[in-house]
PDB file of all heavy atoms in Angstrom:
ATOM      1  N   PHE A   1     -46.713  51.241   8.872  1.00  0.00           N
ATOM      2  CA  PHE A   1     -46.648  52.474   8.191  1.00  0.00           C
ATOM      3  C   PHE A   1     -48.104  53.186   8.285  1.00  0.00           C
ATOM      4  O   PHE A   1     -48.050  54.365   8.508  1.00  0.00           O
ATOM      5  CB  PHE A   1     -46.345  52.233   6.714  1.00  0.00           C
ATOM      6  CG  PHE A   1     -44.846  51.629   6.534  1.00  0.00           C
ATOM      7  CD1 PHE A   1     -44.621  50.865   5.383  1.00  0.00           C
ATOM      8  CD2 PHE A   1     -43.911  51.724   7.488  1.00  0.00           C
ATOM      9  CE1 PHE A   1     -43.337  50.280   5.245  1.00  0.00           C
ATOM     10  CE2 PHE A   1     -42.694  51.141   7.414  1.00  0.00           C
ATOM     11  CZ  PHE A   1     -42.416  50.458   6.269  1.00  0.00           C
ATOM     12  N   ASP A   2     -49.078  52.505   8.146  1.00  0.00           N
ATOM     13  CA  ASP A   2     -50.426  53.063   8.256  1.00  0.00           C
ATOM     14  C   ASP A   2     -50.574  53.644   9.540  1.00  0.00           C
ATOM     15  O   ASP A   2     -51.176  54.870   9.671  1.00  0.00           O
ATOM     16  CB  ASP A   2     -51.471  52.062   7.953  1.00  0.00           C
ATOM     17  CG  ASP A   2     -51.457  51.567   6.539  1.00  0.00           C
ATOM     18  OD1 ASP A   2     -51.967  52.180   5.598  1.00  0.00           O
ATOM     19  OD2 ASP A   2     -50.867  50.424   6.349  1.00  0.00           O
ATOM     20  N   GLU A   3     -50.228  53.067  10.683  1.00  0.00           N
ATOM     21  CA  GLU A   3     -50.413  53.576  12.052  1.00  0.00           C
ATOM     22  C   GLU A   3     -49.627  54.947  12.200  1.00  0.00           C
ATOM     23  O   GLU A   3     -50.074  55.835  12.793  1.00  0.00           O
ATOM     24  CB  GLU A   3     -49.947  52.544  12.990  1.00  0.00           C
ATOM     25  CG  GLU A   3     -50.138  53.077  14.494  1.00  0.00           C
ATOM     26  CD  GLU A   3     -49.588  51.925  15.518  1.00  0.00           C
ATOM     27  OE1 GLU A   3     -49.382  50.786  15.077  1.00  0.00           O
ATOM     28  OE2 GLU A   3     -49.546  52.304  16.712  1.00  0.00           O
ATOM     29  N   VAL A   4     -48.423  54.873  11.671  1.00  0.00           N
ATOM     30  CA  VAL A   4     -47.658  56.105  11.734  1.00  0.00           C
ATOM     31  C   VAL A   4     -48.232  57.345  10.995  1.00  0.00           C
ATOM     32  O   VAL A   4     -48.384  58.416  11.582  1.00  0.00           O
ATOM     33  CB  VAL A   4     -46.164  55.871  11.306  1.00  0.00           C
ATOM     34  CG1 VAL A   4     -45.372  57.217  11.198  1.00  0.00           C
ATOM     35  CG2 VAL A   4     -45.486  54.932  12.366  1.00  0.00           C
ATOM     36  N   VAL A   5     -48.609  57.073   9.779  1.00  0.00           N
ATOM     37  CA  VAL A   5     -49.208  58.158   8.999  1.00  0.00           C
ATOM     38  C   VAL A   5     -50.570  58.663   9.635  1.00  0.00           C
ATOM     39  O   VAL A   5     -50.777  59.847   9.654  1.00  0.00           O
ATOM     40  CB  VAL A   5     -49.348  57.683   7.484  1.00  0.00           C
ATOM     41  CG1 VAL A   5     -50.011  58.731   6.733  1.00  0.00           C
ATOM     42  CG2 VAL A   5     -48.004  57.453   6.956  1.00  0.00           C
ATOM     43  N   ASP A   6     -51.350  57.670  10.000  1.00  0.00           N
ATOM     44  CA  ASP A   6     -52.722  58.047  10.549  1.00  0.00           C
ATOM     45  C   ASP A   6     -52.472  58.839  11.870  1.00  0.00           C
ATOM     46  O   ASP A   6     -53.135  59.941  12.049  1.00  0.00           O
ATOM     47  CB  ASP A   6     -53.486  56.744  10.862  1.00  0.00           C
ATOM     48  CG  ASP A   6     -53.967  56.115   9.661  1.00  0.00           C
ATOM     49  OD1 ASP A   6     -54.012  56.686   8.507  1.00  0.00           O
ATOM     50  OD2 ASP A   6     -54.374  54.989   9.653  1.00  0.00           O
ATOM     51  N   SER A   7     -51.469  58.546  12.629  1.00  0.00           N
ATOM     52  CA  SER A   7     -51.307  59.308  13.940  1.00  0.00           C
ATOM     53  C   SER A   7     -50.752  60.702  13.582  1.00  0.00           C
ATOM     54  O   SER A   7     -51.217  61.616  14.233  1.00  0.00           O
ATOM     55  CB  SER A   7     -50.245  58.542  14.825  1.00  0.00           C
ATOM     56  OG  SER A   7     -50.739  57.268  15.256  1.00  0.00           O
ATOM     57  N   LEU A   8     -49.851  60.784  12.588  1.00  0.00           N
ATOM     58  CA  LEU A   8     -49.446  62.101  12.285  1.00  0.00           C
ATOM     59  C   LEU A   8     -50.493  62.997  11.727  1.00  0.00           C
ATOM     60  O   LEU A   8     -50.561  64.179  11.923  1.00  0.00           O
ATOM     61  CB  LEU A   8     -48.298  61.848  11.244  1.00  0.00           C
ATOM     62  CG  LEU A   8     -47.433  63.143  10.960  1.00  0.00           C
ATOM     63  CD1 LEU A   8     -46.681  63.675  12.186  1.00  0.00           C
ATOM     64  CD2 LEU A   8     -46.428  62.841   9.835  1.00  0.00           C
ATOM     65  N   GLN A   9     -51.307  62.438  10.819  1.00  0.00           N
ATOM     66  CA  GLN A   9     -52.424  63.280  10.203  1.00  0.00           C
ATOM     67  C   GLN A   9     -53.463  63.617  11.349  1.00  0.00           C
ATOM     68  O   GLN A   9     -54.019  64.777  11.243  1.00  0.00           O
ATOM     69  CB  GLN A   9     -53.023  62.453   9.176  1.00  0.00           C
ATOM     70  CG  GLN A   9     -52.202  62.270   7.954  1.00  0.00           C
ATOM     71  CD  GLN A   9     -52.805  61.465   6.774  1.00  0.00           C
ATOM     72  OE1 GLN A   9     -53.737  60.693   7.164  1.00  0.00           O
ATOM     73  NE2 GLN A   9     -52.405  61.700   5.679  1.00  0.00           N
ATOM     74  N   GLN A  10     -53.706  62.820  12.361  1.00  0.00           N
ATOM     75  CA  GLN A  10     -54.551  63.192  13.424  1.00  0.00           C
ATOM     76  C   GLN A  10     -54.061  64.354  14.255  1.00  0.00           C
ATOM     77  O   GLN A  10     -54.765  65.218  14.710  1.00  0.00           O
ATOM     78  CB  GLN A  10     -54.828  61.956  14.300  1.00  0.00           C
ATOM     79  CG  GLN A  10     -55.694  60.838  13.536  1.00  0.00           C
ATOM     80  CD  GLN A  10     -55.863  59.655  14.487  1.00  0.00           C
ATOM     81  OE1 GLN A  10     -55.470  59.700  15.672  1.00  0.00           O
ATOM     82  NE2 GLN A  10     -56.418  58.558  13.925  1.00  0.00           N
ATOM     83  N   LEU A  11     -52.765  64.355  14.366  1.00  0.00           N
ATOM     84  CA  LEU A  11     -52.126  65.452  15.176  1.00  0.00           C
ATOM     85  C   LEU A  11     -52.122  66.724  14.448  1.00  0.00           C
ATOM     86  O   LEU A  11     -52.185  67.865  14.986  1.00  0.00           O
ATOM     87  CB  LEU A  11     -50.773  65.011  15.629  1.00  0.00           C
ATOM     88  CG  LEU A  11     -50.705  63.936  16.610  1.00  0.00           C
ATOM     89  CD1 LEU A  11     -49.171  63.314  16.818  1.00  0.00           C
ATOM     90  CD2 LEU A  11     -51.112  64.308  18.021  1.00  0.00           C
ATOM     91  N   LEU A  12     -51.664  66.632  13.093  1.00  0.00           N
ATOM     92  CA  LEU A  12     -51.279  67.893  12.400  1.00  0.00           C
ATOM     93  C   LEU A  12     -52.140  68.139  11.196  1.00  0.00           C
ATOM     94  O   LEU A  12     -51.878  69.157  10.398  1.00  0.00           O
ATOM     95  CB  LEU A  12     -49.873  67.882  11.966  1.00  0.00           C
ATOM     96  CG  LEU A  12     -48.819  67.823  13.043  1.00  0.00           C
ATOM     97  CD1 LEU A  12     -47.415  67.501  12.553  1.00  0.00           C
ATOM     98  CD2 LEU A  12     -48.942  69.073  13.894  1.00  0.00           C
ATOM     99  N   GLY A  13     -53.163  67.269  10.878  1.00  0.00           N
ATOM    100  CA  GLY A  13     -53.997  67.584   9.785  1.00  0.00           C
ATOM    101  C   GLY A  13     -53.712  66.557   8.545  1.00  0.00           C
ATOM    102  O   GLY A  13     -52.599  66.131   8.437  1.00  0.00           O
ATOM    103  N   ASP A  14     -54.758  66.363   7.751  1.00  0.00           N
ATOM    104  CA  ASP A  14     -54.607  65.363   6.708  1.00  0.00           C
ATOM    105  C   ASP A  14     -53.683  65.871   5.679  1.00  0.00           C
ATOM    106  O   ASP A  14     -53.151  65.108   4.868  1.00  0.00           O
ATOM    107  CB  ASP A  14     -55.966  65.147   6.069  1.00  0.00           C
ATOM    108  CG  ASP A  14     -56.944  64.407   7.002  1.00  0.00           C
ATOM    109  OD1 ASP A  14     -56.450  63.718   7.951  1.00  0.00           O
ATOM    110  OD2 ASP A  14     -58.168  64.423   6.717  1.00  0.00           O
ATOM    111  N   ASP A  15     -53.512  67.205   5.574  1.00  0.00           N
ATOM    112  CA  ASP A  15     -52.580  67.752   4.504  1.00  0.00           C
ATOM    113  C   ASP A  15     -51.101  67.876   4.925  1.00  0.00           C
ATOM    114  O   ASP A  15     -50.346  68.501   4.164  1.00  0.00           O
ATOM    115  CB  ASP A  15     -53.171  69.078   3.992  1.00  0.00           C
ATOM    116  CG  ASP A  15     -53.152  70.082   5.126  1.00  0.00           C
ATOM    117  OD1 ASP A  15     -53.032  69.708   6.275  1.00  0.00           O
ATOM    118  OD2 ASP A  15     -53.354  71.261   4.903  1.00  0.00           O
ATOM    119  N   ILE A  16     -50.760  67.419   6.076  1.00  0.00           N
ATOM    120  CA  ILE A  16     -49.398  67.536   6.543  1.00  0.00           C
ATOM    121  C   ILE A  16     -48.476  66.828   5.692  1.00  0.00           C
ATOM    122  O   ILE A  16     -47.187  67.267   5.481  1.00  0.00           O
ATOM    123  CB  ILE A  16     -49.285  67.009   7.990  1.00  0.00           C
ATOM    124  CG1 ILE A  16     -47.880  67.439   8.575  1.00  0.00           C
ATOM    125  CG2 ILE A  16     -49.455  65.463   8.118  1.00  0.00           C
ATOM    126  CD1 ILE A  16     -47.672  68.890   8.632  1.00  0.00           C
ATOM    127  N   ALA A  17     -48.850  65.753   5.033  1.00  0.00           N
ATOM    128  CA  ALA A  17     -47.925  65.021   4.132  1.00  0.00           C
ATOM    129  C   ALA A  17     -48.191  65.332   2.761  1.00  0.00           C
ATOM    130  O   ALA A  17     -49.299  65.211   2.221  1.00  0.00           O
ATOM    131  CB  ALA A  17     -48.098  63.429   4.368  1.00  0.00           C
ATOM    132  N   ARG A  18     -47.206  65.915   2.039  1.00  0.00           N
ATOM    133  CA  ARG A  18     -47.239  66.117   0.620  1.00  0.00           C
ATOM    134  C   ARG A  18     -47.310  64.813  -0.147  1.00  0.00           C
ATOM    135  O   ARG A  18     -47.970  64.795  -1.272  1.00  0.00           O
ATOM    136  CB  ARG A  18     -46.128  66.920   0.155  1.00  0.00           C
ATOM    137  CG  ARG A  18     -46.061  68.491   0.599  1.00  0.00           C
ATOM    138  CD  ARG A  18     -44.960  69.262   0.005  1.00  0.00           C
ATOM    139  NE  ARG A  18     -45.170  70.710   0.169  1.00  0.00           N
ATOM    140  CZ  ARG A  18     -44.377  71.591  -0.237  1.00  0.00           C
ATOM    141  NH1 ARG A  18     -43.183  71.250  -0.903  1.00  0.00           N
ATOM    142  NH2 ARG A  18     -44.638  72.860  -0.103  1.00  0.00           N
ATOM    143  N   ALA A  19     -46.704  63.882   0.242  1.00  0.00           N
ATOM    144  CA  ALA A  19     -46.720  62.462  -0.323  1.00  0.00           C
ATOM    145  C   ALA A  19     -46.275  61.427   0.644  1.00  0.00           C
ATOM    146  O   ALA A  19     -45.362  61.861   1.519  1.00  0.00           O
ATOM    147  CB  ALA A  19     -45.955  62.525  -1.671  1.00  0.00           C
ATOM    148  N   VAL A  20     -46.696  60.286   0.485  1.00  0.00           N
ATOM    149  CA  VAL A  20     -46.284  59.203   1.359  1.00  0.00           C
ATOM    150  C   VAL A  20     -45.861  57.982   0.520  1.00  0.00           C
ATOM    151  O   VAL A  20     -46.750  57.486  -0.360  1.00  0.00           O
ATOM    152  CB  VAL A  20     -47.407  58.776   2.314  1.00  0.00           C
ATOM    153  CG1 VAL A  20     -47.042  57.517   3.140  1.00  0.00           C
ATOM    154  CG2 VAL A  20     -47.886  59.885   3.245  1.00  0.00           C
ATOM    155  N   ILE A  21     -44.649  57.645   0.611  1.00  0.00           N
ATOM    156  CA  ILE A  21     -44.103  56.632  -0.350  1.00  0.00           C
ATOM    157  C   ILE A  21     -43.476  55.511   0.488  1.00  0.00           C
ATOM    158  O   ILE A  21     -42.726  55.663   1.422  1.00  0.00           O
ATOM    159  CB  ILE A  21     -42.892  57.261  -1.166  1.00  0.00           C
ATOM    160  CG1 ILE A  21     -43.260  58.513  -1.948  1.00  0.00           C
ATOM    161  CG2 ILE A  21     -42.309  56.258  -2.043  1.00  0.00           C
ATOM    162  CD1 ILE A  21     -44.382  58.311  -2.948  1.00  0.00           C
ATOM    163  N   VAL A  22     -43.916  54.314   0.033  1.00  0.00           N
ATOM    164  CA  VAL A  22     -43.341  53.068   0.597  1.00  0.00           C
ATOM    165  C   VAL A  22     -42.519  52.425  -0.554  1.00  0.00           C
ATOM    166  O   VAL A  22     -43.013  52.154  -1.684  1.00  0.00           O
ATOM    167  CB  VAL A  22     -44.409  52.103   1.088  1.00  0.00           C
ATOM    168  CG1 VAL A  22     -43.720  50.782   1.451  1.00  0.00           C
ATOM    169  CG2 VAL A  22     -45.116  52.665   2.226  1.00  0.00           C
ATOM    170  N   ASP A  23     -41.212  52.370  -0.359  1.00  0.00           N
ATOM    171  CA  ASP A  23     -40.330  51.883  -1.362  1.00  0.00           C
ATOM    172  C   ASP A  23     -39.322  50.986  -0.758  1.00  0.00           C
ATOM    173  O   ASP A  23     -38.661  51.384   0.202  1.00  0.00           O
ATOM    174  CB  ASP A  23     -39.675  53.008  -2.152  1.00  0.00           C
ATOM    175  CG  ASP A  23     -38.898  52.446  -3.410  1.00  0.00           C
ATOM    176  OD1 ASP A  23     -39.168  51.356  -3.861  1.00  0.00           O
ATOM    177  OD2 ASP A  23     -38.110  53.355  -3.832  1.00  0.00           O
ATOM    178  N   ARG A  24     -39.166  49.797  -1.278  1.00  0.00           N
ATOM    179  CA  ARG A  24     -38.045  48.786  -0.792  1.00  0.00           C
ATOM    180  C   ARG A  24     -38.284  48.582   0.747  1.00  0.00           C
ATOM    181  O   ARG A  24     -37.358  48.500   1.510  1.00  0.00           O
ATOM    182  CB  ARG A  24     -36.731  49.352  -1.054  1.00  0.00           C
ATOM    183  CG  ARG A  24     -36.370  49.544  -2.475  1.00  0.00           C
ATOM    184  CD  ARG A  24     -34.956  50.197  -2.738  1.00  0.00           C
ATOM    185  NE  ARG A  24     -34.659  50.375  -4.010  1.00  0.00           N
ATOM    186  CZ  ARG A  24     -34.930  51.317  -4.937  1.00  0.00           C
ATOM    187  NH1 ARG A  24     -35.717  52.411  -4.385  1.00  0.00           N
ATOM    188  NH2 ARG A  24     -34.608  51.414  -6.145  1.00  0.00           N
ATOM    189  N   GLY A  25     -39.519  48.420   1.210  1.00  0.00           N
ATOM    190  CA  GLY A  25     -39.892  48.225   2.555  1.00  0.00           C
ATOM    191  C   GLY A  25     -39.572  49.408   3.495  1.00  0.00           C
ATOM    192  O   GLY A  25     -39.400  49.090   4.715  1.00  0.00           O
ATOM    193  N   GLU A  26     -39.392  50.619   3.009  1.00  0.00           N
ATOM    194  CA  GLU A  26     -39.109  51.780   3.816  1.00  0.00           C
ATOM    195  C   GLU A  26     -40.177  52.857   3.535  1.00  0.00           C
ATOM    196  O   GLU A  26     -40.690  53.044   2.448  1.00  0.00           O
ATOM    197  CB  GLU A  26     -37.760  52.378   3.469  1.00  0.00           C
ATOM    198  CG  GLU A  26     -36.622  51.294   3.866  1.00  0.00           C
ATOM    199  CD  GLU A  26     -35.281  51.820   3.554  1.00  0.00           C
ATOM    200  OE1 GLU A  26     -35.149  52.877   2.880  1.00  0.00           O
ATOM    201  OE2 GLU A  26     -34.340  51.041   3.905  1.00  0.00           O
ATOM    202  N   LEU A  27     -40.551  53.609   4.629  1.00  0.00           N
ATOM    203  CA  LEU A  27     -41.518  54.680   4.640  1.00  0.00           C
ATOM    204  C   LEU A  27     -40.842  55.995   4.520  1.00  0.00           C
ATOM    205  O   LEU A  27     -40.003  56.363   5.358  1.00  0.00           O
ATOM    206  CB  LEU A  27     -42.431  54.593   5.833  1.00  0.00           C
ATOM    207  CG  LEU A  27     -43.440  55.702   5.969  1.00  0.00           C
ATOM    208  CD1 LEU A  27     -44.398  55.610   4.901  1.00  0.00           C
ATOM    209  CD2 LEU A  27     -44.106  55.589   7.387  1.00  0.00           C
ATOM    210  N   THR A  28     -41.281  56.787   3.522  1.00  0.00           N
ATOM    211  CA  THR A  28     -40.766  58.179   3.379  1.00  0.00           C
ATOM    212  C   THR A  28     -42.047  59.030   3.350  1.00  0.00           C
ATOM    213  O   THR A  28     -42.891  58.846   2.584  1.00  0.00           O
ATOM    214  CB  THR A  28     -39.910  58.359   2.063  1.00  0.00           C
ATOM    215  OG1 THR A  28     -38.878  57.503   2.048  1.00  0.00           O
ATOM    216  CG2 THR A  28     -39.503  59.831   1.993  1.00  0.00           C
ATOM    217  N   ILE A  29     -42.006  60.125   4.266  1.00  0.00           N
ATOM    218  CA  ILE A  29     -43.117  61.077   4.324  1.00  0.00           C
ATOM    219  C   ILE A  29     -42.554  62.414   3.902  1.00  0.00           C
ATOM    220  O   ILE A  29     -41.619  62.946   4.451  1.00  0.00           O
ATOM    221  CB  ILE A  29     -43.643  61.209   5.729  1.00  0.00           C
ATOM    222  CG1 ILE A  29     -44.134  59.869   6.248  1.00  0.00           C
ATOM    223  CG2 ILE A  29     -44.723  62.225   5.793  1.00  0.00           C
ATOM    224  CD1 ILE A  29     -44.537  59.847   7.687  1.00  0.00           C
ATOM    225  N   HIS A  30     -43.058  62.950   2.839  1.00  0.00           N
ATOM    226  CA  HIS A  30     -42.585  64.300   2.277  1.00  0.00           C
ATOM    227  C   HIS A  30     -43.535  65.311   2.937  1.00  0.00           C
ATOM    228  O   HIS A  30     -44.723  65.297   2.872  1.00  0.00           O
ATOM    229  CB  HIS A  30     -42.795  64.234   0.752  1.00  0.00           C
ATOM    230  CG  HIS A  30     -41.813  63.338  -0.004  1.00  0.00           C
ATOM    231  ND1 HIS A  30     -40.749  63.792  -0.480  1.00  0.00           N
ATOM    232  CD2 HIS A  30     -41.953  61.945  -0.273  1.00  0.00           C
ATOM    233  CE1 HIS A  30     -40.073  62.746  -1.055  1.00  0.00           C
ATOM    234  NE2 HIS A  30     -40.928  61.639  -0.923  1.00  0.00           N
ATOM    235  N   VAL A  31     -42.785  66.379   3.413  1.00  0.00           N
ATOM    236  CA  VAL A  31     -43.457  67.463   4.136  1.00  0.00           C
ATOM    237  C   VAL A  31     -42.967  68.784   3.664  1.00  0.00           C
ATOM    238  O   VAL A  31     -41.917  68.817   2.977  1.00  0.00           O
ATOM    239  CB  VAL A  31     -43.292  67.311   5.652  1.00  0.00           C
ATOM    240  CG1 VAL A  31     -43.904  66.020   6.180  1.00  0.00           C
ATOM    241  CG2 VAL A  31     -41.816  67.483   6.042  1.00  0.00           C
ATOM    242  N   ALA A  32     -43.716  69.897   3.908  1.00  0.00           N
ATOM    243  CA  ALA A  32     -43.328  71.215   3.457  1.00  0.00           C
ATOM    244  C   ALA A  32     -42.159  71.705   4.353  1.00  0.00           C
ATOM    245  O   ALA A  32     -41.947  71.324   5.544  1.00  0.00           O
ATOM    246  CB  ALA A  32     -44.473  72.099   3.677  1.00  0.00           C
ATOM    247  N   PRO A  33     -41.241  72.471   3.794  1.00  0.00           N
ATOM    248  CA  PRO A  33     -40.023  72.887   4.561  1.00  0.00           C
ATOM    249  C   PRO A  33     -40.298  73.599   5.808  1.00  0.00           C
ATOM    250  O   PRO A  33     -39.517  73.535   6.731  1.00  0.00           O
ATOM    251  CB  PRO A  33     -39.189  73.672   3.528  1.00  0.00           C
ATOM    252  CG  PRO A  33     -40.155  74.088   2.396  1.00  0.00           C
ATOM    253  CD  PRO A  33     -41.238  72.987   2.384  1.00  0.00           C
ATOM    254  N   ASP A  34     -41.388  74.387   5.824  1.00  0.00           N
ATOM    255  CA  ASP A  34     -41.628  75.133   7.052  1.00  0.00           C
ATOM    256  C   ASP A  34     -42.371  74.321   8.138  1.00  0.00           C
ATOM    257  O   ASP A  34     -42.729  74.837   9.272  1.00  0.00           O
ATOM    258  CB  ASP A  34     -42.488  76.470   6.760  1.00  0.00           C
ATOM    259  CG  ASP A  34     -43.833  76.080   6.052  1.00  0.00           C
ATOM    260  OD1 ASP A  34     -44.023  74.962   5.582  1.00  0.00           O
ATOM    261  OD2 ASP A  34     -44.705  77.002   5.950  1.00  0.00           O
ATOM    262  N   ARG A  35     -42.718  73.066   7.843  1.00  0.00           N
ATOM    263  CA  ARG A  35     -43.443  72.275   8.783  1.00  0.00           C
ATOM    264  C   ARG A  35     -42.611  71.207   9.439  1.00  0.00           C
ATOM    265  O   ARG A  35     -43.009  70.357  10.155  1.00  0.00           O
ATOM    266  CB  ARG A  35     -44.625  71.579   8.079  1.00  0.00           C
ATOM    267  CG  ARG A  35     -45.724  72.540   7.476  1.00  0.00           C
ATOM    268  CD  ARG A  35     -46.349  73.456   8.597  1.00  0.00           C
ATOM    269  NE  ARG A  35     -46.859  72.784   9.718  1.00  0.00           N
ATOM    270  CZ  ARG A  35     -48.109  72.243   9.781  1.00  0.00           C
ATOM    271  NH1 ARG A  35     -48.933  72.307   8.692  1.00  0.00           N
ATOM    272  NH2 ARG A  35     -48.599  71.568  10.852  1.00  0.00           N
ATOM    273  N   VAL A  36     -41.251  71.083   8.856  1.00  0.00           N
ATOM    274  CA  VAL A  36     -40.448  69.986   9.438  1.00  0.00           C
ATOM    275  C   VAL A  36     -40.283  69.937  10.870  1.00  0.00           C
ATOM    276  O   VAL A  36     -40.327  68.855  11.527  1.00  0.00           O
ATOM    277  CB  VAL A  36     -39.040  70.177   8.767  1.00  0.00           C
ATOM    278  CG1 VAL A  36     -38.124  69.170   9.303  1.00  0.00           C
ATOM    279  CG2 VAL A  36     -39.100  69.929   7.194  1.00  0.00           C
ATOM    280  N   ALA A  37     -40.078  71.110  11.569  1.00  0.00           N
ATOM    281  CA  ALA A  37     -39.872  71.071  12.961  1.00  0.00           C
ATOM    282  C   ALA A  37     -41.117  70.696  13.663  1.00  0.00           C
ATOM    283  O   ALA A  37     -41.133  69.943  14.629  1.00  0.00           O
ATOM    284  CB  ALA A  37     -39.503  72.520  13.458  1.00  0.00           C
ATOM    285  N   ASP A  38     -42.377  71.176  13.272  1.00  0.00           N
ATOM    286  CA  ASP A  38     -43.636  70.746  13.774  1.00  0.00           C
ATOM    287  C   ASP A  38     -43.864  69.208  13.687  1.00  0.00           C
ATOM    288  O   ASP A  38     -44.258  68.569  14.699  1.00  0.00           O
ATOM    289  CB  ASP A  38     -44.752  71.378  13.100  1.00  0.00           C
ATOM    290  CG  ASP A  38     -44.673  72.966  13.355  1.00  0.00           C
ATOM    291  OD1 ASP A  38     -44.096  73.338  14.464  1.00  0.00           O
ATOM    292  OD2 ASP A  38     -45.342  73.600  12.558  1.00  0.00           O
ATOM    293  N   VAL A  39     -43.464  68.705  12.474  1.00  0.00           N
ATOM    294  CA  VAL A  39     -43.652  67.220  12.249  1.00  0.00           C
ATOM    295  C   VAL A  39     -42.692  66.479  13.252  1.00  0.00           C
ATOM    296  O   VAL A  39     -43.178  65.497  13.952  1.00  0.00           O
ATOM    297  CB  VAL A  39     -43.437  66.914  10.869  1.00  0.00           C
ATOM    298  CG1 VAL A  39     -43.263  65.264  10.740  1.00  0.00           C
ATOM    299  CG2 VAL A  39     -44.445  67.453   9.977  1.00  0.00           C
ATOM    300  N   CYS A  40     -41.476  66.935  13.360  1.00  0.00           N
ATOM    301  CA  CYS A  40     -40.522  66.252  14.217  1.00  0.00           C
ATOM    302  C   CYS A  40     -40.924  66.239  15.642  1.00  0.00           C
ATOM    303  O   CYS A  40     -40.757  65.293  16.436  1.00  0.00           O
ATOM    304  CB  CYS A  40     -39.097  66.830  14.059  1.00  0.00           C
ATOM    305  SG  CYS A  40     -38.267  66.362  12.456  1.00  0.00           S
ATOM    306  N   GLN A  41     -41.487  67.443  16.205  1.00  0.00           N
ATOM    307  CA  GLN A  41     -41.910  67.630  17.609  1.00  0.00           C
ATOM    308  C   GLN A  41     -43.041  66.534  17.734  1.00  0.00           C
ATOM    309  O   GLN A  41     -42.965  65.875  18.875  1.00  0.00           O
ATOM    310  CB  GLN A  41     -42.446  69.062  17.777  1.00  0.00           C
ATOM    311  CG  GLN A  41     -42.840  69.246  19.212  1.00  0.00           C
ATOM    312  CD  GLN A  41     -41.606  69.764  19.962  1.00  0.00           C
ATOM    313  OE1 GLN A  41     -40.939  70.605  19.653  1.00  0.00           O
ATOM    314  NE2 GLN A  41     -41.535  69.003  21.062  1.00  0.00           N
ATOM    315  N   SER A  42     -43.957  66.404  16.836  1.00  0.00           N
ATOM    316  CA  SER A  42     -45.015  65.392  17.068  1.00  0.00           C
ATOM    317  C   SER A  42     -44.491  63.996  16.974  1.00  0.00           C
ATOM    318  O   SER A  42     -44.956  63.076  17.719  1.00  0.00           O
ATOM    319  CB  SER A  42     -46.097  65.654  16.042  1.00  0.00           C
ATOM    320  OG  SER A  42     -46.709  66.941  16.208  1.00  0.00           O
ATOM    321  N   MET A  43     -43.603  63.726  16.084  1.00  0.00           N
ATOM    322  CA  MET A  43     -42.956  62.440  15.878  1.00  0.00           C
ATOM    323  C   MET A  43     -42.318  61.967  17.206  1.00  0.00           C
ATOM    324  O   MET A  43     -42.285  60.867  17.490  1.00  0.00           O
ATOM    325  CB  MET A  43     -42.026  62.307  14.731  1.00  0.00           C
ATOM    326  CG  MET A  43     -42.733  62.677  13.377  1.00  0.00           C
ATOM    327  SD  MET A  43     -43.735  61.306  12.742  1.00  0.00           S
ATOM    328  CE  MET A  43     -42.455  60.206  12.109  1.00  0.00           C
TER     329      MET A  43
END
């Protein structure tokens, strides 16, 4: 999870994630609605 979040922040900026949640062994990254396509492109 750390590797994924760090890579995404390096590509799109530290503020790209509104929140990062690890729950029940799963990673959820909350992003702004107008940035979803940019995030998916990088992912």
